[in-house]
Amino acid sequence: MKILVFSGSPRKGGNTDLLVESFVKGASQKHQVEVVSVHDYKINPCIGCNSCFALISSSCRTWGRCLCLAQKIKAMSRTVTRSRKLLS
């Protein structure tokens, strides 16, 4: 099984990354695991510009640089997301 793990920590080497590393250590014994640090990508939310419908290539202006992530998600059997939790 191919597993894609998204690490949503804004800090490399923080607690979230430690949890991701522990998961990968266990999962990689039986599965193919790839980790993507969301910190390395500039990901913006949809702005409702409808360029994805208007353009012939159906490409998103906002997600254009992150298209490789969408392709990775499609190629994987499972995805795991981990992000930090802020406590007040």
PDB file of N, CA and C in Angstrom:
ATOM      1  N   MET A   1       0.836  -1.164   0.000  1.00  0.00           N
ATOM      2  CA  MET A   1       0.000   0.000   0.000  1.00  0.00           C
ATOM      3  C   MET A   1       0.891   1.241   0.000  1.00  0.00           C
ATOM      4  N   LYS A   2       0.502   2.243  -0.753  1.00  0.00           N
ATOM      5  CA  LYS A   2       1.226   3.509  -0.788  1.00  0.00           C
ATOM      6  C   LYS A   2       0.515   4.509   0.117  1.00  0.00           C
ATOM      7  N   ILE A   3       1.285   5.097   1.037  1.00  0.00           N
ATOM      8  CA  ILE A   3       0.729   6.045   2.001  1.00  0.00           C
ATOM      9  C   ILE A   3       1.445   7.375   1.847  1.00  0.00           C
ATOM     10  N   LEU A   4       0.661   8.449   1.737  1.00  0.00           N
ATOM     11  CA  LEU A   4       1.204   9.798   1.675  1.00  0.00           C
ATOM     12  C   LEU A   4       0.863  10.491   2.989  1.00  0.00           C
ATOM     13  N   VAL A   5       1.882  10.990   3.678  1.00  0.00           N
ATOM     14  CA  VAL A   5       1.699  11.648   4.969  1.00  0.00           C
ATOM     15  C   VAL A   5       1.965  13.137   4.810  1.00  0.00           C
ATOM     16  N   PHE A   6       0.983  13.954   5.185  1.00  0.00           N
ATOM     17  CA  PHE A   6       1.145  15.405   5.173  1.00  0.00           C
ATOM     18  C   PHE A   6       1.482  15.872   6.575  1.00  0.00           C
ATOM     19  N   SER A   7       2.621  16.540   6.715  1.00  0.00           N
ATOM     20  CA  SER A   7       3.008  17.138   7.984  1.00  0.00           C
ATOM     21  C   SER A   7       2.716  18.628   7.896  1.00  0.00           C
ATOM     22  N   GLY A   8       1.780  19.098   8.719  1.00  0.00           N
ATOM     23  CA  GLY A   8       1.352  20.483   8.649  1.00  0.00           C
ATOM     24  C   GLY A   8       2.027  21.401   9.640  1.00  0.00           C
ATOM     25  N   SER A   9       3.126  20.990  10.189  1.00  0.00           N
ATOM     26  CA  SER A   9       3.812  21.807  11.181  1.00  0.00           C
ATOM     27  C   SER A   9       4.517  22.993  10.514  1.00  0.00           C
ATOM     28  N   PRO A  10       4.392  24.189  11.100  1.00  0.00           N
ATOM     29  CA  PRO A  10       5.137  25.322  10.571  1.00  0.00           C
ATOM     30  C   PRO A  10       6.610  25.286  10.972  1.00  0.00           C
ATOM     31  N   ARG A  11       6.944  24.422  11.929  1.00  0.00           N
ATOM     32  CA  ARG A  11       8.316  24.286  12.420  1.00  0.00           C
ATOM     33  C   ARG A  11       8.876  22.928  12.076  1.00  0.00           C
ATOM     34  N   LYS A  12       9.987  22.902  11.381  1.00  0.00           N
ATOM     35  CA  LYS A  12      10.623  21.615  11.097  1.00  0.00           C
ATOM     36  C   LYS A  12      11.305  21.104  12.362  1.00  0.00           C
ATOM     37  N   GLY A  13      11.141  19.808  12.609  1.00  0.00           N
ATOM     38  CA  GLY A  13      11.756  19.204  13.777  1.00  0.00           C
ATOM     39  C   GLY A  13      10.959  19.375  15.062  1.00  0.00           C
ATOM     40  N   GLY A  14       9.745  19.885  14.963  1.00  0.00           N
ATOM     41  CA  GLY A  14       8.903  20.096  16.145  1.00  0.00           C
ATOM     42  C   GLY A  14       8.171  18.827  16.552  1.00  0.00           C
ATOM     43  N   ASN A  15       7.226  18.983  17.454  1.00  0.00           N
ATOM     44  CA  ASN A  15       6.480  17.838  17.985  1.00  0.00           C
ATOM     45  C   ASN A  15       5.680  17.121  16.900  1.00  0.00           C
ATOM     46  N   THR A  16       5.085  17.883  15.997  1.00  0.00           N
ATOM     47  CA  THR A  16       4.307  17.272  14.917  1.00  0.00           C
ATOM     48  C   THR A  16       5.198  16.394  14.057  1.00  0.00           C
ATOM     49  N   ASP A  17       6.376  16.888  13.734  1.00  0.00           N
ATOM     50  CA  ASP A  17       7.313  16.091  12.936  1.00  0.00           C
ATOM     51  C   ASP A  17       7.741  14.825  13.674  1.00  0.00           C
ATOM     52  N   LEU A  18       7.870  14.902  14.995  1.00  0.00           N
ATOM     53  CA  LEU A  18       8.217  13.707  15.780  1.00  0.00           C
ATOM     54  C   LEU A  18       7.111  12.657  15.694  1.00  0.00           C
ATOM     55  N   LEU A  19       5.852  13.098  15.742  1.00  0.00           N
ATOM     56  CA  LEU A  19       4.735  12.168  15.599  1.00  0.00           C
ATOM     57  C   LEU A  19       4.708  11.550  14.207  1.00  0.00           C
ATOM     58  N   VAL A  20       4.967  12.370  13.205  1.00  0.00           N
ATOM     59  CA  VAL A  20       4.997  11.876  11.822  1.00  0.00           C
ATOM     60  C   VAL A  20       6.105  10.837  11.662  1.00  0.00           C
ATOM     61  N   GLU A  21       7.278  11.136  12.208  1.00  0.00           N
ATOM     62  CA  GLU A  21       8.396  10.199  12.111  1.00  0.00           C
ATOM     63  C   GLU A  21       8.060   8.859  12.769  1.00  0.00           C
ATOM     64  N   SER A  22       7.381   8.903  13.909  1.00  0.00           N
ATOM     65  CA  SER A  22       6.989   7.665  14.594  1.00  0.00           C
ATOM     66  C   SER A  22       6.009   6.861  13.751  1.00  0.00           C
ATOM     67  N   PHE A  23       5.049   7.537  13.149  1.00  0.00           N
ATOM     68  CA  PHE A  23       4.089   6.854  12.278  1.00  0.00           C
ATOM     69  C   PHE A  23       4.792   6.230  11.084  1.00  0.00           C
ATOM     70  N   VAL A  24       5.676   6.994  10.462  1.00  0.00           N
ATOM     71  CA  VAL A  24       6.397   6.501   9.280  1.00  0.00           C
ATOM     72  C   VAL A  24       7.261   5.297   9.639  1.00  0.00           C
ATOM     73  N   LYS A  25       7.888   5.346  10.794  1.00  0.00           N
ATOM     74  CA  LYS A  25       8.735   4.233  11.222  1.00  0.00           C
ATOM     75  C   LYS A  25       7.940   2.941  11.302  1.00  0.00           C
ATOM     76  N   GLY A  26       6.744   3.013  11.862  1.00  0.00           N
ATOM     77  CA  GLY A  26       5.907   1.818  11.967  1.00  0.00           C
ATOM     78  C   GLY A  26       5.291   1.405  10.644  1.00  0.00           C
ATOM     79  N   ALA A  27       4.782   2.362   9.901  1.00  0.00           N
ATOM     80  CA  ALA A  27       4.074   2.060   8.654  1.00  0.00           C
ATOM     81  C   ALA A  27       5.014   1.601   7.546  1.00  0.00           C
ATOM     82  N   SER A  28       6.238   2.096   7.549  1.00  0.00           N
ATOM     83  CA  SER A  28       7.159   1.762   6.464  1.00  0.00           C
ATOM     84  C   SER A  28       7.669   0.324   6.528  1.00  0.00           C
ATOM     85  N   GLN A  29       7.384  -0.376   7.629  1.00  0.00           N
ATOM     86  CA  GLN A  29       7.790  -1.783   7.723  1.00  0.00           C
ATOM     87  C   GLN A  29       7.008  -2.650   6.742  1.00  0.00           C
ATOM     88  N   LYS A  30       5.754  -2.266   6.460  1.00  0.00           N
ATOM     89  CA  LYS A  30       4.922  -3.061   5.558  1.00  0.00           C
ATOM     90  C   LYS A  30       4.418  -2.295   4.345  1.00  0.00           C
ATOM     91  N   HIS A  31       4.602  -0.961   4.339  1.00  0.00           N
ATOM     92  CA  HIS A  31       4.035  -0.152   3.276  1.00  0.00           C
ATOM     93  C   HIS A  31       5.054   0.844   2.738  1.00  0.00           C
ATOM     94  N   GLN A  32       4.760   1.359   1.553  1.00  0.00           N
ATOM     95  CA  GLN A  32       5.578   2.405   0.955  1.00  0.00           C
ATOM     96  C   GLN A  32       5.032   3.747   1.449  1.00  0.00           C
ATOM     97  N   VAL A  33       5.866   4.518   2.165  1.00  0.00           N
ATOM     98  CA  VAL A  33       5.418   5.759   2.792  1.00  0.00           C
ATOM     99  C   VAL A  33       6.222   6.938   2.250  1.00  0.00           C
ATOM    100  N   GLU A  34       5.508   8.026   1.941  1.00  0.00           N
ATOM    101  CA  GLU A  34       6.148   9.268   1.507  1.00  0.00           C
ATOM    102  C   GLU A  34       5.622  10.390   2.390  1.00  0.00           C
ATOM    103  N   VAL A  35       6.514  11.270   2.840  1.00  0.00           N
ATOM    104  CA  VAL A  35       6.138  12.389   3.697  1.00  0.00           C
ATOM    105  C   VAL A  35       6.262  13.692   2.913  1.00  0.00           C
ATOM    106  N   VAL A  36       5.235  14.530   3.020  1.00  0.00           N
ATOM    107  CA  VAL A  36       5.255  15.854   2.406  1.00  0.00           C
ATOM    108  C   VAL A  36       5.102  16.870   3.532  1.00  0.00           C
ATOM    109  N   SER A  37       6.059  17.769   3.648  1.00  0.00           N
ATOM    110  CA  SER A  37       5.969  18.845   4.624  1.00  0.00           C
ATOM    111  C   SER A  37       5.260  20.015   3.957  1.00  0.00           C
ATOM    112  N   VAL A  38       4.072  20.317   4.437  1.00  0.00           N
ATOM    113  CA  VAL A  38       3.267  21.378   3.838  1.00  0.00           C
ATOM    114  C   VAL A  38       3.978  22.719   3.958  1.00  0.00           C
ATOM    115  N   HIS A  39       4.872  22.825   4.925  1.00  0.00           N
ATOM    116  CA  HIS A  39       5.645  24.048   5.130  1.00  0.00           C
ATOM    117  C   HIS A  39       6.458  24.414   3.876  1.00  0.00           C
ATOM    118  N   ASP A  40       6.833  23.418   3.096  1.00  0.00           N
ATOM    119  CA  ASP A  40       7.658  23.645   1.915  1.00  0.00           C
ATOM    120  C   ASP A  40       6.869  24.162   0.711  1.00  0.00           C
ATOM    121  N   TYR A  41       5.544  24.211   0.809  1.00  0.00           N
ATOM    122  CA  TYR A  41       4.701  24.626  -0.305  1.00  0.00           C
ATOM    123  C   TYR A  41       3.904  25.869   0.068  1.00  0.00           C
ATOM    124  N   LYS A  42       3.638  26.698  -0.913  1.00  0.00           N
ATOM    125  CA  LYS A  42       2.764  27.846  -0.696  1.00  0.00           C
ATOM    126  C   LYS A  42       1.378  27.429  -1.168  1.00  0.00           C
ATOM    127  N   ILE A  43       0.505  27.114  -0.222  1.00  0.00           N
ATOM    128  CA  ILE A  43      -0.832  26.624  -0.530  1.00  0.00           C
ATOM    129  C   ILE A  43      -1.848  27.670  -0.100  1.00  0.00           C
ATOM    130  N   ASN A  44      -2.625  28.130  -1.039  1.00  0.00           N
ATOM    131  CA  ASN A  44      -3.648  29.126  -0.762  1.00  0.00           C
ATOM    132  C   ASN A  44      -5.029  28.519  -0.968  1.00  0.00           C
ATOM    133  N   PRO A  45      -6.023  29.034  -0.255  1.00  0.00           N
ATOM    134  CA  PRO A  45      -7.378  28.512  -0.440  1.00  0.00           C
ATOM    135  C   PRO A  45      -7.980  28.990  -1.757  1.00  0.00           C
ATOM    136  N   CYS A  46      -9.049  28.348  -2.162  1.00  0.00           N
ATOM    137  CA  CYS A  46      -9.777  28.743  -3.357  1.00  0.00           C
ATOM    138  C   CYS A  46     -10.330  30.157  -3.170  1.00  0.00           C
ATOM    139  N   ILE A  47     -10.188  30.987  -4.203  1.00  0.00           N
ATOM    140  CA  ILE A  47     -10.701  32.359  -4.126  1.00  0.00           C
ATOM    141  C   ILE A  47     -11.958  32.547  -4.973  1.00  0.00           C
ATOM    142  N   GLY A  48     -12.448  31.467  -5.559  1.00  0.00           N
ATOM    143  CA  GLY A  48     -13.690  31.533  -6.331  1.00  0.00           C
ATOM    144  C   GLY A  48     -13.572  32.293  -7.640  1.00  0.00           C
ATOM    145  N   CYS A  49     -12.403  32.272  -8.244  1.00  0.00           N
ATOM    146  CA  CYS A  49     -12.209  33.032  -9.488  1.00  0.00           C
ATOM    147  C   CYS A  49     -12.734  32.289 -10.719  1.00  0.00           C
ATOM    148  N   ASN A  50     -13.042  30.997 -10.576  1.00  0.00           N
ATOM    149  CA  ASN A  50     -13.564  30.144 -11.658  1.00  0.00           C
ATOM    150  C   ASN A  50     -12.606  29.987 -12.837  1.00  0.00           C
ATOM    151  N   SER A  51     -11.327  30.279 -12.642  1.00  0.00           N
ATOM    152  CA  SER A  51     -10.374  30.096 -13.732  1.00  0.00           C
ATOM    153  C   SER A  51     -10.231  28.626 -14.099  1.00  0.00           C
ATOM    154  N   CYS A  52     -10.491  27.739 -13.141  1.00  0.00           N
ATOM    155  CA  CYS A  52     -10.398  26.310 -13.419  1.00  0.00           C
ATOM    156  C   CYS A  52     -11.480  25.874 -14.415  1.00  0.00           C
ATOM    157  N   PHE A  53     -12.584  26.608 -14.483  1.00  0.00           N
ATOM    158  CA  PHE A  53     -13.641  26.293 -15.434  1.00  0.00           C
ATOM    159  C   PHE A  53     -13.467  27.049 -16.746  1.00  0.00           C
ATOM    160  N   ALA A  54     -12.885  28.235 -16.670  1.00  0.00           N
ATOM    161  CA  ALA A  54     -12.783  29.097 -17.841  1.00  0.00           C
ATOM    162  C   ALA A  54     -11.617  28.738 -18.764  1.00  0.00           C
ATOM    163  N   LEU A  55     -10.551  28.240 -18.219  1.00  0.00           N
ATOM    164  CA  LEU A  55      -9.363  27.952 -19.014  1.00  0.00           C
ATOM    165  C   LEU A  55      -9.483  26.606 -19.713  1.00  0.00           C
ATOM    166  N   ILE A  56      -8.894  26.523 -20.870  1.00  0.00           N
ATOM    167  CA  ILE A  56      -8.935  25.278 -21.644  1.00  0.00           C
ATOM    168  C   ILE A  56      -8.232  24.156 -20.891  1.00  0.00           C
ATOM    169  N   SER A  57      -7.133  24.484 -20.256  1.00  0.00           N
ATOM    170  CA  SER A  57      -6.371  23.463 -19.540  1.00  0.00           C
ATOM    171  C   SER A  57      -7.006  23.087 -18.201  1.00  0.00           C
ATOM    172  N   SER A  58      -8.054  23.796 -17.799  1.00  0.00           N
ATOM    173  CA  SER A  58      -8.730  23.562 -16.516  1.00  0.00           C
ATOM    174  C   SER A  58      -7.760  23.602 -15.344  1.00  0.00           C
ATOM    175  N   SER A  59      -6.821  24.530 -15.381  1.00  0.00           N
ATOM    176  CA  SER A  59      -5.849  24.622 -14.290  1.00  0.00           C
ATOM    177  C   SER A  59      -6.219  25.757 -13.348  1.00  0.00           C
ATOM    178  N   CYS A  60      -5.902  25.553 -12.110  1.00  0.00           N
ATOM    179  CA  CYS A  60      -6.219  26.519 -11.062  1.00  0.00           C
ATOM    180  C   CYS A  60      -5.068  27.504 -10.910  1.00  0.00           C
ATOM    181  N   ARG A  61      -5.386  28.766 -10.866  1.00  0.00           N
ATOM    182  CA  ARG A  61      -4.342  29.782 -10.687  1.00  0.00           C
ATOM    183  C   ARG A  61      -3.764  29.734  -9.279  1.00  0.00           C
ATOM    184  N   THR A  62      -4.593  29.433  -8.319  1.00  0.00           N
ATOM    185  CA  THR A  62      -4.149  29.395  -6.932  1.00  0.00           C
ATOM    186  C   THR A  62      -3.310  28.154  -6.648  1.00  0.00           C
ATOM    187  N   TRP A  63      -3.738  27.008  -7.155  1.00  0.00           N
ATOM    188  CA  TRP A  63      -3.067  25.738  -6.880  1.00  0.00           C
ATOM    189  C   TRP A  63      -2.054  25.365  -7.941  1.00  0.00           C
ATOM    190  N   GLY A  64      -1.791  26.221  -8.881  1.00  0.00           N
ATOM    191  CA  GLY A  64      -0.903  25.897  -9.995  1.00  0.00           C
ATOM    192  C   GLY A  64       0.434  25.310  -9.582  1.00  0.00           C
ATOM    193  N   ARG A  65       1.048  25.903  -8.567  1.00  0.00           N
ATOM    194  CA  ARG A  65       2.357  25.431  -8.112  1.00  0.00           C
ATOM    195  C   ARG A  65       2.260  24.143  -7.309  1.00  0.00           C
ATOM    196  N   CYS A  66       1.085  23.817  -6.837  1.00  0.00           N
ATOM    197  CA  CYS A  66       0.911  22.626  -6.001  1.00  0.00           C
ATOM    198  C   CYS A  66       0.260  21.478  -6.753  1.00  0.00           C
ATOM    199  N   LEU A  67       0.210  21.571  -8.061  1.00  0.00           N
ATOM    200  CA  LEU A  67      -0.414  20.516  -8.849  1.00  0.00           C
ATOM    201  C   LEU A  67       0.269  19.175  -8.613  1.00  0.00           C
ATOM    202  N   CYS A  68       1.570  19.200  -8.343  1.00  0.00           N
ATOM    203  CA  CYS A  68       2.290  17.954  -8.083  1.00  0.00           C
ATOM    204  C   CYS A  68       1.735  17.250  -6.847  1.00  0.00           C
ATOM    205  N   LEU A  69       1.241  17.999  -5.866  1.00  0.00           N
ATOM    206  CA  LEU A  69       0.650  17.382  -4.681  1.00  0.00           C
ATOM    207  C   LEU A  69      -0.639  16.653  -5.024  1.00  0.00           C
ATOM    208  N   ALA A  70      -1.444  17.258  -5.889  1.00  0.00           N
ATOM    209  CA  ALA A  70      -2.695  16.611  -6.305  1.00  0.00           C
ATOM    210  C   ALA A  70      -2.394  15.310  -7.030  1.00  0.00           C
ATOM    211  N   GLN A  71      -1.355  15.305  -7.839  1.00  0.00           N
ATOM    212  CA  GLN A  71      -0.969  14.084  -8.553  1.00  0.00           C
ATOM    213  C   GLN A  71      -0.483  13.015  -7.580  1.00  0.00           C
ATOM    214  N   LYS A  72       0.243  13.421  -6.538  1.00  0.00           N
ATOM    215  CA  LYS A  72       0.709  12.464  -5.536  1.00  0.00           C
ATOM    216  C   LYS A  72      -0.468  11.851  -4.780  1.00  0.00           C
ATOM    217  N   ILE A  73      -1.452  12.683  -4.454  1.00  0.00           N
ATOM    218  CA  ILE A  73      -2.621  12.192  -3.724  1.00  0.00           C
ATOM    219  C   ILE A  73      -3.357  11.146  -4.550  1.00  0.00           C
ATOM    220  N   LYS A  74      -3.509  11.390  -5.836  1.00  0.00           N
ATOM    221  CA  LYS A  74      -4.203  10.446  -6.713  1.00  0.00           C
ATOM    222  C   LYS A  74      -3.463   9.115  -6.818  1.00  0.00           C
ATOM    223  N   ALA A  75      -2.132   9.156  -6.727  1.00  0.00           N
ATOM    224  CA  ALA A  75      -1.322   7.946  -6.898  1.00  0.00           C
ATOM    225  C   ALA A  75      -1.264   7.089  -5.630  1.00  0.00           C
ATOM    226  N   MET A  76      -1.679   7.624  -4.495  1.00  0.00           N
ATOM    227  CA  MET A  76      -1.567   6.913  -3.226  1.00  0.00           C
ATOM    228  C   MET A  76      -2.830   6.141  -2.885  1.00  0.00           C
ATOM    229  N   SER A  77      -2.658   5.101  -2.080  1.00  0.00           N
ATOM    230  CA  SER A  77      -3.790   4.316  -1.588  1.00  0.00           C
ATOM    231  C   SER A  77      -4.436   4.988  -0.379  1.00  0.00           C
ATOM    232  N   ARG A  78      -3.620   5.605   0.464  1.00  0.00           N
ATOM    233  CA  ARG A  78      -4.092   6.255   1.686  1.00  0.00           C
ATOM    234  C   ARG A  78      -3.337   7.567   1.895  1.00  0.00           C
ATOM    235  N   THR A  79      -3.985   8.498   2.577  1.00  0.00           N
ATOM    236  CA  THR A  79      -3.302   9.726   2.988  1.00  0.00           C
ATOM    237  C   THR A  79      -3.506   9.915   4.488  1.00  0.00           C
ATOM    238  N   VAL A  80      -2.493  10.480   5.129  1.00  0.00           N
ATOM    239  CA  VAL A  80      -2.531  10.765   6.562  1.00  0.00           C
ATOM    240  C   VAL A  80      -2.148  12.230   6.723  1.00  0.00           C
ATOM    241  N   THR A  81      -2.926  12.958   7.510  1.00  0.00           N
ATOM    242  CA  THR A  81      -2.640  14.375   7.740  1.00  0.00           C
ATOM    243  C   THR A  81      -2.394  14.592   9.222  1.00  0.00           C
ATOM    244  N   ARG A  82      -1.335  15.323   9.526  1.00  0.00           N
ATOM    245  CA  ARG A  82      -1.023  15.656  10.913  1.00  0.00           C
ATOM    246  C   ARG A  82      -0.655  17.121  10.973  1.00  0.00           C
ATOM    247  N   SER A  83      -1.329  17.865  11.825  1.00  0.00           N
ATOM    248  CA  SER A  83      -0.992  19.262  12.021  1.00  0.00           C
ATOM    249  C   SER A  83      -1.000  19.559  13.515  1.00  0.00           C
ATOM    250  N   ARG A  84      -0.433  20.669  13.859  1.00  0.00           N
ATOM    251  CA  ARG A  84      -0.325  20.998  15.273  1.00  0.00           C
ATOM    252  C   ARG A  84      -1.674  21.455  15.816  1.00  0.00           C
ATOM    253  N   LYS A  85      -1.821  21.326  17.110  1.00  0.00           N
ATOM    254  CA  LYS A  85      -3.033  21.782  17.788  1.00  0.00           C
ATOM    255  C   LYS A  85      -2.619  22.850  18.768  1.00  0.00           C
ATOM    256  N   LEU A  86      -3.230  24.000  18.633  1.00  0.00           N
ATOM    257  CA  LEU A  86      -2.911  25.108  19.539  1.00  0.00           C
ATOM    258  C   LEU A  86      -3.835  25.063  20.741  1.00  0.00           C
ATOM    259  N   LEU A  87      -3.272  25.153  21.904  1.00  0.00           N
ATOM    260  CA  LEU A  87      -4.058  25.148  23.142  1.00  0.00           C
ATOM    261  C   LEU A  87      -4.075  26.558  23.724  1.00  0.00           C
ATOM    262  N   SER A  88      -5.220  26.972  24.203  1.00  0.00           N
ATOM    263  CA  SER A  88      -5.305  28.302  24.801  1.00  0.00           C
ATOM    264  C   SER A  88      -5.529  28.217  26.300  1.00  0.00           C
TER     265      SER A  88
END
